[in-house]
PDB file of N, CA and C in Angstrom:
ATOM      1  N   MET A   1     -10.858   3.077   9.331  1.00  0.00           N
ATOM      2  CA  MET A   1     -11.343   2.596   8.059  1.00  0.00           C
ATOM      3  C   MET A   1     -10.935   3.588   6.966  1.00  0.00           C
ATOM      4  N   LEU A   2     -10.421   3.048   5.882  1.00  0.00           N
ATOM      5  CA  LEU A   2     -10.018   3.898   4.760  1.00  0.00           C
ATOM      6  C   LEU A   2     -11.240   4.495   4.066  1.00  0.00           C
ATOM      7  N   PRO A   3     -11.114   5.719   3.584  1.00  0.00           N
ATOM      8  CA  PRO A   3     -12.227   6.321   2.849  1.00  0.00           C
ATOM      9  C   PRO A   3     -12.434   5.621   1.503  1.00  0.00           C
ATOM     10  N   ALA A   4     -13.610   5.764   0.947  1.00  0.00           N
ATOM     11  CA  ALA A   4     -13.958   5.073  -0.305  1.00  0.00           C
ATOM     12  C   ALA A   4     -13.274   5.682  -1.523  1.00  0.00           C
ATOM     13  N   ARG A   5     -12.876   6.929  -1.444  1.00  0.00           N
ATOM     14  CA  ARG A   5     -12.299   7.607  -2.612  1.00  0.00           C
ATOM     15  C   ARG A   5     -11.001   8.322  -2.256  1.00  0.00           C
ATOM     16  N   ASN A   6     -10.302   8.716  -3.325  1.00  0.00           N
ATOM     17  CA  ASN A   6      -9.120   9.578  -3.208  1.00  0.00           C
ATOM     18  C   ASN A   6      -7.971   8.976  -2.409  1.00  0.00           C
ATOM     19  N   LEU A   7      -7.647   7.736  -2.694  1.00  0.00           N
ATOM     20  CA  LEU A   7      -6.480   7.129  -2.053  1.00  0.00           C
ATOM     21  C   LEU A   7      -5.267   7.328  -2.947  1.00  0.00           C
ATOM     22  N   LYS A   8      -4.235   7.901  -2.372  1.00  0.00           N
ATOM     23  CA  LYS A   8      -2.983   8.132  -3.083  1.00  0.00           C
ATOM     24  C   LYS A   8      -1.832   7.541  -2.287  1.00  0.00           C
ATOM     25  N   ILE A   9      -0.722   7.390  -2.975  1.00  0.00           N
ATOM     26  CA  ILE A   9       0.502   6.906  -2.358  1.00  0.00           C
ATOM     27  C   ILE A   9       1.615   7.893  -2.688  1.00  0.00           C
ATOM     28  N   PRO A  10       2.770   7.771  -2.069  1.00  0.00           N
ATOM     29  CA  PRO A  10       3.896   8.641  -2.444  1.00  0.00           C
ATOM     30  C   PRO A  10       4.307   8.409  -3.901  1.00  0.00           C
ATOM     31  N   LYS A  11       4.747   9.462  -4.559  1.00  0.00           N
ATOM     32  CA  LYS A  11       5.155   9.399  -5.966  1.00  0.00           C
ATOM     33  C   LYS A  11       6.250   8.351  -6.181  1.00  0.00           C
ATOM     34  N   GLU A  12       7.200   8.292  -5.284  1.00  0.00           N
ATOM     35  CA  GLU A  12       8.292   7.329  -5.399  1.00  0.00           C
ATOM     36  C   GLU A  12       7.768   5.895  -5.332  1.00  0.00           C
ATOM     37  N   THR A  13       6.807   5.652  -4.461  1.00  0.00           N
ATOM     38  CA  THR A  13       6.204   4.324  -4.360  1.00  0.00           C
ATOM     39  C   THR A  13       5.484   3.973  -5.655  1.00  0.00           C
ATOM     40  N   GLU A  14       4.793   4.943  -6.218  1.00  0.00           N
ATOM     41  CA  GLU A  14       4.097   4.726  -7.482  1.00  0.00           C
ATOM     42  C   GLU A  14       5.077   4.317  -8.585  1.00  0.00           C
ATOM     43  N   SER A  15       6.206   4.988  -8.655  1.00  0.00           N
ATOM     44  CA  SER A  15       7.183   4.640  -9.695  1.00  0.00           C
ATOM     45  C   SER A  15       7.777   3.252  -9.453  1.00  0.00           C
ATOM     46  N   HIS A  16       7.981   2.866  -8.185  1.00  0.00           N
ATOM     47  CA  HIS A  16       8.460   1.516  -7.883  1.00  0.00           C
ATOM     48  C   HIS A  16       7.430   0.469  -8.306  1.00  0.00           C
ATOM     49  N   LEU A  17       6.149   0.752  -8.070  1.00  0.00           N
ATOM     50  CA  LEU A  17       5.093  -0.173  -8.476  1.00  0.00           C
ATOM     51  C   LEU A  17       5.040  -0.319  -9.999  1.00  0.00           C
ATOM     52  N   GLU A  18       5.245   0.792 -10.716  1.00  0.00           N
ATOM     53  CA  GLU A  18       5.225   0.745 -12.177  1.00  0.00           C
ATOM     54  C   GLU A  18       6.398  -0.072 -12.718  1.00  0.00           C
ATOM     55  N   ARG A  19       7.580   0.104 -12.123  1.00  0.00           N
ATOM     56  CA  ARG A  19       8.744  -0.684 -12.545  1.00  0.00           C
ATOM     57  C   ARG A  19       8.565  -2.158 -12.214  1.00  0.00           C
ATOM     58  N   LEU A  20       7.978  -2.408 -11.073  1.00  0.00           N
ATOM     59  CA  LEU A  20       7.695  -3.788 -10.677  1.00  0.00           C
ATOM     60  C   LEU A  20       6.729  -4.436 -11.672  1.00  0.00           C
ATOM     61  N   GLU A  21       5.765  -3.668 -12.140  1.00  0.00           N
ATOM     62  CA  GLU A  21       4.816  -4.188 -13.130  1.00  0.00           C
ATOM     63  C   GLU A  21       5.521  -4.564 -14.434  1.00  0.00           C
ATOM     64  N   LEU A  22       6.480  -3.764 -14.848  1.00  0.00           N
ATOM     65  CA  LEU A  22       7.204  -4.064 -16.082  1.00  0.00           C
ATOM     66  C   LEU A  22       7.960  -5.393 -15.983  1.00  0.00           C
ATOM     67  N   ARG A  23       8.496  -5.684 -14.796  1.00  0.00           N
ATOM     68  CA  ARG A  23       9.272  -6.912 -14.616  1.00  0.00           C
ATOM     69  C   ARG A  23       8.398  -8.133 -14.333  1.00  0.00           C
ATOM     70  N   THR A  24       7.312  -7.946 -13.579  1.00  0.00           N
ATOM     71  CA  THR A  24       6.528  -9.088 -13.104  1.00  0.00           C
ATOM     72  C   THR A  24       5.177  -9.235 -13.796  1.00  0.00           C
ATOM     73  N   ARG A  25       4.733  -8.179 -14.471  1.00  0.00           N
ATOM     74  CA  ARG A  25       3.403  -8.130 -15.106  1.00  0.00           C
ATOM     75  C   ARG A  25       2.263  -8.143 -14.089  1.00  0.00           C
ATOM     76  N   VAL A  26       2.562  -7.812 -12.852  1.00  0.00           N
ATOM     77  CA  VAL A  26       1.543  -7.696 -11.810  1.00  0.00           C
ATOM     78  C   VAL A  26       1.176  -6.221 -11.718  1.00  0.00           C
ATOM     79  N   THR A  27      -0.108  -5.923 -11.813  1.00  0.00           N
ATOM     80  CA  THR A  27      -0.553  -4.532 -11.831  1.00  0.00           C
ATOM     81  C   THR A  27      -0.258  -3.840 -10.499  1.00  0.00           C
ATOM     82  N   PRO A  28      -0.091  -2.506 -10.530  1.00  0.00           N
ATOM     83  CA  PRO A  28       0.223  -1.780  -9.300  1.00  0.00           C
ATOM     84  C   PRO A  28      -0.790  -1.969  -8.171  1.00  0.00           C
ATOM     85  N   ASN A  29      -2.081  -2.075  -8.507  1.00  0.00           N
ATOM     86  CA  ASN A  29      -3.044  -2.247  -7.414  1.00  0.00           C
ATOM     87  C   ASN A  29      -2.883  -3.617  -6.744  1.00  0.00           C
ATOM     88  N   VAL A  30      -2.590  -4.657  -7.507  1.00  0.00           N
ATOM     89  CA  VAL A  30      -2.382  -5.986  -6.921  1.00  0.00           C
ATOM     90  C   VAL A  30      -1.058  -6.031  -6.160  1.00  0.00           C
ATOM     91  N   SER A  31      -0.002  -5.481  -6.735  1.00  0.00           N
ATOM     92  CA  SER A  31       1.280  -5.508  -6.023  1.00  0.00           C
ATOM     93  C   SER A  31       1.247  -4.624  -4.775  1.00  0.00           C
ATOM     94  N   SER A  32       0.418  -3.574  -4.774  1.00  0.00           N
ATOM     95  CA  SER A  32       0.302  -2.756  -3.556  1.00  0.00           C
ATOM     96  C   SER A  32      -0.373  -3.542  -2.434  1.00  0.00           C
ATOM     97  N   ARG A  33      -1.289  -4.429  -2.784  1.00  0.00           N
ATOM     98  CA  ARG A  33      -1.926  -5.284  -1.770  1.00  0.00           C
ATOM     99  C   ARG A  33      -0.884  -6.233  -1.163  1.00  0.00           C
ATOM    100  N   ILE A  34      -0.076  -6.821  -2.022  1.00  0.00           N
ATOM    101  CA  ILE A  34       0.994  -7.708  -1.547  1.00  0.00           C
ATOM    102  C   ILE A  34       1.974  -6.919  -0.688  1.00  0.00           C
ATOM    103  N   ALA A  35       2.316  -5.711  -1.135  1.00  0.00           N
ATOM    104  CA  ALA A  35       3.250  -4.866  -0.395  1.00  0.00           C
ATOM    105  C   ALA A  35       2.712  -4.517   0.991  1.00  0.00           C
ATOM    106  N   PHE A  36       1.431  -4.176   1.069  1.00  0.00           N
ATOM    107  CA  PHE A  36       0.830  -3.823   2.358  1.00  0.00           C
ATOM    108  C   PHE A  36       1.001  -4.968   3.353  1.00  0.00           C
ATOM    109  N   PHE A  37       0.605  -6.168   2.949  1.00  0.00           N
ATOM    110  CA  PHE A  37       0.683  -7.289   3.877  1.00  0.00           C
ATOM    111  C   PHE A  37       2.114  -7.749   4.127  1.00  0.00           C
ATOM    112  N   THR A  38       2.994  -7.581   3.153  1.00  0.00           N
ATOM    113  CA  THR A  38       4.410  -7.865   3.368  1.00  0.00           C
ATOM    114  C   THR A  38       4.956  -6.978   4.477  1.00  0.00           C
ATOM    115  N   SER A  39       4.595  -5.707   4.432  1.00  0.00           N
ATOM    116  CA  SER A  39       5.041  -4.751   5.437  1.00  0.00           C
ATOM    117  C   SER A  39       4.491  -5.091   6.823  1.00  0.00           C
ATOM    118  N   VAL A  40       3.192  -5.356   6.891  1.00  0.00           N
ATOM    119  CA  VAL A  40       2.569  -5.679   8.181  1.00  0.00           C
ATOM    120  C   VAL A  40       3.195  -6.940   8.773  1.00  0.00           C
ATOM    121  N   GLU A  41       3.355  -7.972   7.940  1.00  0.00           N
ATOM    122  CA  GLU A  41       3.920  -9.236   8.425  1.00  0.00           C
ATOM    123  C   GLU A  41       5.374  -9.113   8.855  1.00  0.00           C
ATOM    124  N   SER A  42       6.086  -8.131   8.300  1.00  0.00           N
ATOM    125  CA  SER A  42       7.486  -7.940   8.682  1.00  0.00           C
ATOM    126  C   SER A  42       7.629  -7.299  10.062  1.00  0.00           C
ATOM    127  N   GLY A  43       6.528  -6.753  10.573  1.00  0.00           N
ATOM    128  CA  GLY A  43       6.574  -6.084  11.869  1.00  0.00           C
ATOM    129  C   GLY A  43       6.717  -4.579  11.772  1.00  0.00           C
ATOM    130  N   TYR A  44       6.794  -4.055  10.572  1.00  0.00           N
ATOM    131  CA  TYR A  44       6.909  -2.606  10.387  1.00  0.00           C
ATOM    132  C   TYR A  44       5.651  -1.921  10.914  1.00  0.00           C
ATOM    133  N   ARG A  45       5.827  -0.750  11.533  1.00  0.00           N
ATOM    134  CA  ARG A  45       4.691   0.039  12.012  1.00  0.00           C
ATOM    135  C   ARG A  45       4.881   1.502  11.641  1.00  0.00           C
ATOM    136  N   TYR A  46       3.812   2.110  11.212  1.00  0.00           N
ATOM    137  CA  TYR A  46       3.782   3.537  10.867  1.00  0.00           C
ATOM    138  C   TYR A  46       3.970   4.335  12.144  1.00  0.00           C
ATOM    139  N   ASP A  47       4.867   5.324  12.089  1.00  0.00           N
ATOM    140  CA  ASP A  47       5.191   6.101  13.292  1.00  0.00           C
ATOM    141  C   ASP A  47       4.393   7.392  13.431  1.00  0.00           C
ATOM    142  N   GLY A  48       3.467   7.639  12.522  1.00  0.00           N
ATOM    143  CA  GLY A  48       2.647   8.846  12.604  1.00  0.00           C
ATOM    144  C   GLY A  48       3.232  10.040  11.886  1.00  0.00           C
ATOM    145  N   GLY A  49       4.390   9.864  11.268  1.00  0.00           N
ATOM    146  CA  GLY A  49       5.038  10.963  10.558  1.00  0.00           C
ATOM    147  C   GLY A  49       4.328  11.329   9.268  1.00  0.00           C
ATOM    148  N   TYR A  50       4.735  12.457   8.723  1.00  0.00           N
ATOM    149  CA  TYR A  50       4.130  12.950   7.491  1.00  0.00           C
ATOM    150  C   TYR A  50       4.582  12.105   6.301  1.00  0.00           C
ATOM    151  N   ILE A  51       3.656  11.705   5.490  1.00  0.00           N
ATOM    152  CA  ILE A  51       3.911  10.968   4.255  1.00  0.00           C
ATOM    153  C   ILE A  51       3.275  11.773   3.133  1.00  0.00           C
ATOM    154  N   ALA A  52       4.068  12.171   2.147  1.00  0.00           N
ATOM    155  CA  ALA A  52       3.532  12.936   1.013  1.00  0.00           C
ATOM    156  C   ALA A  52       2.734  12.006   0.119  1.00  0.00           C
ATOM    157  N   LEU A  53       1.455  12.252  -0.013  1.00  0.00           N
ATOM    158  CA  LEU A  53       0.586  11.462  -0.877  1.00  0.00           C
ATOM    159  C   LEU A  53       0.446  12.215  -2.188  1.00  0.00           C
ATOM    160  N   ASP A  54       1.503  12.144  -3.011  1.00  0.00           N
ATOM    161  CA  ASP A  54       1.606  13.004  -4.186  1.00  0.00           C
ATOM    162  C   ASP A  54       1.643  12.244  -5.512  1.00  0.00           C
ATOM    163  N   SER A  55       1.161  11.014  -5.521  1.00  0.00           N
ATOM    164  CA  SER A  55       1.161  10.241  -6.766  1.00  0.00           C
ATOM    165  C   SER A  55       0.131  10.789  -7.744  1.00  0.00           C
ATOM    166  N   LYS A  56       0.303  10.457  -9.017  1.00  0.00           N
ATOM    167  CA  LYS A  56      -0.684  10.888  -9.999  1.00  0.00           C
ATOM    168  C   LYS A  56      -1.903   9.975  -9.982  1.00  0.00           C
ATOM    169  N   ARG A  57      -1.731   8.746  -9.479  1.00  0.00           N
ATOM    170  CA  ARG A  57      -2.869   7.829  -9.343  1.00  0.00           C
ATOM    171  C   ARG A  57      -3.723   8.266  -8.166  1.00  0.00           C
ATOM    172  N   ASN A  58      -4.976   8.485  -8.431  1.00  0.00           N
ATOM    173  CA  ASN A  58      -5.930   8.853  -7.397  1.00  0.00           C
ATOM    174  C   ASN A  58      -7.086   7.876  -7.533  1.00  0.00           C
ATOM    175  N   LEU A  59      -6.944   6.716  -6.902  1.00  0.00           N
ATOM    176  CA  LEU A  59      -7.891   5.637  -7.110  1.00  0.00           C
ATOM    177  C   LEU A  59      -8.831   5.471  -5.930  1.00  0.00           C
ATOM    178  N   ASP A  60      -9.943   4.816  -6.201  1.00  0.00           N
ATOM    179  CA  ASP A  60     -10.870   4.535  -5.106  1.00  0.00           C
ATOM    180  C   ASP A  60     -10.425   3.273  -4.367  1.00  0.00           C
ATOM    181  N   LYS A  61     -11.030   3.067  -3.235  1.00  0.00           N
ATOM    182  CA  LYS A  61     -10.661   1.964  -2.347  1.00  0.00           C
ATOM    183  C   LYS A  61     -10.844   0.599  -3.021  1.00  0.00           C
ATOM    184  N   VAL A  62     -11.933   0.426  -3.746  1.00  0.00           N
ATOM    185  CA  VAL A  62     -12.201  -0.858  -4.389  1.00  0.00           C
ATOM    186  C   VAL A  62     -11.127  -1.189  -5.425  1.00  0.00           C
ATOM    187  N   THR A  63     -10.664  -0.196  -6.174  1.00  0.00           N
ATOM    188  CA  THR A  63      -9.624  -0.428  -7.171  1.00  0.00           C
ATOM    189  C   THR A  63      -8.309  -0.792  -6.505  1.00  0.00           C
ATOM    190  N   TRP A  64      -7.926  -0.047  -5.466  1.00  0.00           N
ATOM    191  CA  TRP A  64      -6.660  -0.338  -4.784  1.00  0.00           C
ATOM    192  C   TRP A  64      -6.699  -1.674  -4.054  1.00  0.00           C
ATOM    193  N   LEU A  65      -7.798  -1.949  -3.360  1.00  0.00           N
ATOM    194  CA  LEU A  65      -7.806  -3.075  -2.430  1.00  0.00           C
ATOM    195  C   LEU A  65      -8.599  -4.286  -2.880  1.00  0.00           C
ATOM    196  N   GLY A  66      -9.531  -4.117  -3.799  1.00  0.00           N
ATOM    197  CA  GLY A  66     -10.323  -5.235  -4.300  1.00  0.00           C
ATOM    198  C   GLY A  66     -10.993  -6.014  -3.183  1.00  0.00           C
ATOM    199  N   GLU A  67     -10.920  -7.333  -3.288  1.00  0.00           N
ATOM    200  CA  GLU A  67     -11.551  -8.218  -2.309  1.00  0.00           C
ATOM    201  C   GLU A  67     -10.920  -8.128  -0.919  1.00  0.00           C
ATOM    202  N   LEU A  68      -9.745  -7.534  -0.842  1.00  0.00           N
ATOM    203  CA  LEU A  68      -9.048  -7.439   0.444  1.00  0.00           C
ATOM    204  C   LEU A  68      -9.419  -6.187   1.234  1.00  0.00           C
ATOM    205  N   SER A  69     -10.376  -5.442   0.756  1.00  0.00           N
ATOM    206  CA  SER A  69     -10.764  -4.187   1.391  1.00  0.00           C
ATOM    207  C   SER A  69     -11.075  -4.353   2.879  1.00  0.00           C
ATOM    208  N   ASN A  70     -11.904  -5.323   3.213  1.00  0.00           N
ATOM    209  CA  ASN A  70     -12.266  -5.534   4.619  1.00  0.00           C
ATOM    210  C   ASN A  70     -11.072  -5.990   5.445  1.00  0.00           C
ATOM    211  N   ALA A  71     -10.224  -6.825   4.868  1.00  0.00           N
ATOM    212  CA  ALA A  71      -9.042  -7.313   5.589  1.00  0.00           C
ATOM    213  C   ALA A  71      -8.060  -6.172   5.864  1.00  0.00           C
ATOM    214  N   VAL A  72      -7.870  -5.291   4.878  1.00  0.00           N
ATOM    215  CA  VAL A  72      -6.967  -4.144   5.064  1.00  0.00           C
ATOM    216  C   VAL A  72      -7.540  -3.207   6.125  1.00  0.00           C
ATOM    217  N   ASP A  73      -8.838  -2.901   6.027  1.00  0.00           N
ATOM    218  CA  ASP A  73      -9.473  -2.034   7.031  1.00  0.00           C
ATOM    219  C   ASP A  73      -9.347  -2.620   8.433  1.00  0.00           C
ATOM    220  N   ALA A  74      -9.611  -3.909   8.566  1.00  0.00           N
ATOM    221  CA  ALA A  74      -9.521  -4.555   9.878  1.00  0.00           C
ATOM    222  C   ALA A  74      -8.097  -4.518  10.414  1.00  0.00           C
ATOM    223  N   THR A  75      -7.126  -4.759   9.546  1.00  0.00           N
ATOM    224  CA  THR A  75      -5.723  -4.728   9.961  1.00  0.00           C
ATOM    225  C   THR A  75      -5.328  -3.330  10.432  1.00  0.00           C
ATOM    226  N   LEU A  76      -5.696  -2.324   9.642  1.00  0.00           N
ATOM    227  CA  LEU A  76      -5.366  -0.946  10.024  1.00  0.00           C
ATOM    228  C   LEU A  76      -6.052  -0.545  11.325  1.00  0.00           C
ATOM    229  N   THR A  77      -7.301  -0.941  11.500  1.00  0.00           N
ATOM    230  CA  THR A  77      -8.033  -0.616  12.727  1.00  0.00           C
ATOM    231  C   THR A  77      -7.395  -1.294  13.932  1.00  0.00           C
ATOM    232  N   LEU A  78      -6.964  -2.514  13.756  1.00  0.00           N
ATOM    233  CA  LEU A  78      -6.307  -3.250  14.837  1.00  0.00           C
ATOM    234  C   LEU A  78      -4.967  -2.621  15.207  1.00  0.00           C
ATOM    235  N   LEU A  79      -4.173  -2.261  14.183  1.00  0.00           N
ATOM    236  CA  LEU A  79      -2.845  -1.706  14.434  1.00  0.00           C
ATOM    237  C   LEU A  79      -2.875  -0.249  14.887  1.00  0.00           C
ATOM    238  N   TYR A  80      -3.854   0.515  14.386  1.00  0.00           N
ATOM    239  CA  TYR A  80      -3.890   1.962  14.632  1.00  0.00           C
ATOM    240  C   TYR A  80      -5.296   2.416  15.036  1.00  0.00           C
ATOM    241  N   PRO A  81      -5.782   1.977  16.186  1.00  0.00           N
ATOM    242  CA  PRO A  81      -7.158   2.331  16.578  1.00  0.00           C
ATOM    243  C   PRO A  81      -7.369   3.830  16.774  1.00  0.00           C
ATOM    244  N   GLU A  82      -6.301   4.558  17.009  1.00  0.00           N
ATOM    245  CA  GLU A  82      -6.420   6.000  17.262  1.00  0.00           C
ATOM    246  C   GLU A  82      -6.467   6.834  15.978  1.00  0.00           C
ATOM    247  N   LEU A  83      -6.179   6.221  14.835  1.00  0.00           N
ATOM    248  CA  LEU A  83      -6.116   6.969  13.576  1.00  0.00           C
ATOM    249  C   LEU A  83      -7.438   6.938  12.828  1.00  0.00           C
ATOM    250  N   ASN A  84      -7.680   8.016  12.080  1.00  0.00           N
ATOM    251  CA  ASN A  84      -8.809   8.069  11.152  1.00  0.00           C
ATOM    252  C   ASN A  84      -8.476   9.082  10.071  1.00  0.00           C
ATOM    253  N   GLY A  85      -9.317   9.206   9.073  1.00  0.00           N
ATOM    254  CA  GLY A  85      -9.125  10.204   8.024  1.00  0.00           C
ATOM    255  C   GLY A  85      -7.766  10.140   7.367  1.00  0.00           C
ATOM    256  N   ASP A  86      -7.086  11.285   7.336  1.00  0.00           N
ATOM    257  CA  ASP A  86      -5.773  11.360   6.696  1.00  0.00           C
ATOM    258  C   ASP A  86      -4.738  10.463   7.379  1.00  0.00           C
ATOM    259  N   GLY A  87      -4.840  10.308   8.674  1.00  0.00           N
ATOM    260  CA  GLY A  87      -3.883   9.472   9.401  1.00  0.00           C
ATOM    261  C   GLY A  87      -3.925   8.026   8.947  1.00  0.00           C
ATOM    262  N   ILE A  88      -5.104   7.487   8.766  1.00  0.00           N
ATOM    263  CA  ILE A  88      -5.226   6.093   8.346  1.00  0.00           C
ATOM    264  C   ILE A  88      -4.795   5.934   6.889  1.00  0.00           C
ATOM    265  N   LYS A  89      -5.073   6.958   6.052  1.00  0.00           N
ATOM    266  CA  LYS A  89      -4.602   6.920   4.663  1.00  0.00           C
ATOM    267  C   LYS A  89      -3.085   6.927   4.619  1.00  0.00           C
ATOM    268  N   ARG A  90      -2.461   7.730   5.457  1.00  0.00           N
ATOM    269  CA  ARG A  90      -1.001   7.798   5.491  1.00  0.00           C
ATOM    270  C   ARG A  90      -0.395   6.498   6.031  1.00  0.00           C
ATOM    271  N   ALA A  91      -1.052   5.889   7.018  1.00  0.00           N
ATOM    272  CA  ALA A  91      -0.564   4.612   7.544  1.00  0.00           C
ATOM    273  C   ALA A  91      -0.601   3.547   6.451  1.00  0.00           C
ATOM    274  N   TRP A  92      -1.711   3.475   5.712  1.00  0.00           N
ATOM    275  CA  TRP A  92      -1.820   2.512   4.612  1.00  0.00           C
ATOM    276  C   TRP A  92      -0.733   2.778   3.561  1.00  0.00           C
ATOM    277  N   ALA A  93      -0.600   4.037   3.153  1.00  0.00           N
ATOM    278  CA  ALA A  93       0.390   4.393   2.130  1.00  0.00           C
ATOM    279  C   ALA A  93       1.807   4.095   2.611  1.00  0.00           C
ATOM    280  N   ASP A  94       2.077   4.303   3.889  1.00  0.00           N
ATOM    281  CA  ASP A  94       3.409   4.027   4.420  1.00  0.00           C
ATOM    282  C   ASP A  94       3.699   2.525   4.418  1.00  0.00           C
ATOM    283  N   HIS A  95       2.702   1.724   4.728  1.00  0.00           N
ATOM    284  CA  HIS A  95       2.893   0.272   4.661  1.00  0.00           C
ATOM    285  C   HIS A  95       3.120  -0.179   3.216  1.00  0.00           C
ATOM    286  N   VAL A  96       2.400   0.407   2.263  1.00  0.00           N
ATOM    287  CA  VAL A  96       2.625   0.072   0.858  1.00  0.00           C
ATOM    288  C   VAL A  96       4.042   0.472   0.469  1.00  0.00           C
ATOM    289  N   ARG A  97       4.476   1.667   0.874  1.00  0.00           N
ATOM    290  CA  ARG A  97       5.835   2.132   0.586  1.00  0.00           C
ATOM    291  C   ARG A  97       6.870   1.165   1.154  1.00  0.00           C
ATOM    292  N   ASP A  98       6.701   0.792   2.415  1.00  0.00           N
ATOM    293  CA  ASP A  98       7.644  -0.121   3.057  1.00  0.00           C
ATOM    294  C   ASP A  98       7.651  -1.476   2.364  1.00  0.00           C
ATOM    295  N   GLY A  99       6.486  -2.010   2.056  1.00  0.00           N
ATOM    296  CA  GLY A  99       6.408  -3.308   1.397  1.00  0.00           C
ATOM    297  C   GLY A  99       7.027  -3.301   0.015  1.00  0.00           C
ATOM    298  N   VAL A 100       6.801  -2.241  -0.737  1.00  0.00           N
ATOM    299  CA  VAL A 100       7.381  -2.134  -2.080  1.00  0.00           C
ATOM    300  C   VAL A 100       8.899  -2.072  -1.980  1.00  0.00           C
ATOM    301  N   THR A 101       9.405  -1.398  -0.990  1.00  0.00           N
ATOM    302  CA  THR A 101      10.858  -1.336  -0.781  1.00  0.00           C
ATOM    303  C   THR A 101      11.420  -2.742  -0.568  1.00  0.00           C
ATOM    304  N   ARG A 102      10.692  -3.568   0.143  1.00  0.00           N
ATOM    305  CA  ARG A 102      11.129  -4.944   0.399  1.00  0.00           C
ATOM    306  C   ARG A 102      11.007  -5.825  -0.842  1.00  0.00           C
ATOM    307  N   MET A 103      10.099  -5.473  -1.758  1.00  0.00           N
ATOM    308  CA  MET A 103       9.811  -6.310  -2.923  1.00  0.00           C
ATOM    309  C   MET A 103      10.445  -5.821  -4.216  1.00  0.00           C
ATOM    310  N   ARG A 104      11.042  -4.665  -4.227  1.00  0.00           N
ATOM    311  CA  ARG A 104      11.398  -4.036  -5.501  1.00  0.00           C
ATOM    312  C   ARG A 104      12.441  -4.774  -6.334  1.00  0.00           C
ATOM    313  N   ALA A 105      13.118  -5.742  -5.774  1.00  0.00           N
ATOM    314  CA  ALA A 105      14.087  -6.511  -6.556  1.00  0.00           C
ATOM    315  C   ALA A 105      13.442  -7.701  -7.261  1.00  0.00           C
ATOM    316  N   ALA A 106      12.158  -7.943  -7.011  1.00  0.00           N
ATOM    317  CA  ALA A 106      11.482  -9.103  -7.599  1.00  0.00           C
ATOM    318  C   ALA A 106      11.481  -9.018  -9.119  1.00  0.00           C
ATOM    319  N   GLU A 107      11.755 -10.127  -9.749  1.00  0.00           N
ATOM    320  CA  GLU A 107      11.780 -10.222 -11.213  1.00  0.00           C
ATOM    321  C   GLU A 107      10.602 -11.015 -11.760  1.00  0.00           C
ATOM    322  N   SER A 108       9.868 -11.693 -10.885  1.00  0.00           N
ATOM    323  CA  SER A 108       8.742 -12.505 -11.335  1.00  0.00           C
ATOM    324  C   SER A 108       7.658 -12.527 -10.267  1.00  0.00           C
ATOM    325  N   ILE A 109       6.492 -12.998 -10.648  1.00  0.00           N
ATOM    326  CA  ILE A 109       5.395 -13.090  -9.681  1.00  0.00           C
ATOM    327  C   ILE A 109       5.753 -14.075  -8.568  1.00  0.00           C
ATOM    328  N   GLN A 110       6.495 -15.119  -8.880  1.00  0.00           N
ATOM    329  CA  GLN A 110       6.905 -16.094  -7.855  1.00  0.00           C
ATOM    330  C   GLN A 110       7.756 -15.427  -6.775  1.00  0.00           C
ATOM    331  N   GLU A 111       8.584 -14.489  -7.177  1.00  0.00           N
ATOM    332  CA  GLU A 111       9.431 -13.787  -6.198  1.00  0.00           C
ATOM    333  C   GLU A 111       8.620 -12.814  -5.341  1.00  0.00           C
ATOM    334  N   LEU A 112       7.470 -12.368  -5.848  1.00  0.00           N
ATOM    335  CA  LEU A 112       6.615 -11.476  -5.060  1.00  0.00           C
ATOM    336  C   LEU A 112       5.938 -12.244  -3.932  1.00  0.00           C
ATOM    337  N   ILE A 113       5.608 -13.474  -4.202  1.00  0.00           N
ATOM    338  CA  ILE A 113       4.872 -14.267  -3.204  1.00  0.00           C
ATOM    339  C   ILE A 113       5.783 -15.326  -2.640  1.00  0.00           C
TER     340      ILE A 113
END
């Protein structure tokens, strides 16, 4: 389960989300939710490696995940039952990174979904 506070993503992912917002007008927290599930549905899995959580955004869980908080927690618990704390935060951030990489060419909200 993700902690309630201090969720960060890699700086590069943050900049991709900001650029995506300029093109699609979808806020970074909403596009990160889409990115997370895009990554999971693609079959991508976090390998346990180090992920630098160095973004300037330091948001709480409710802001990042909104109504999908329980669904994200359940998905992460199902995929990574052995992870907790920093490991689960890194797994979430890695899925957001992977999903944003898959979505970064989107020019509109229709292309995101």
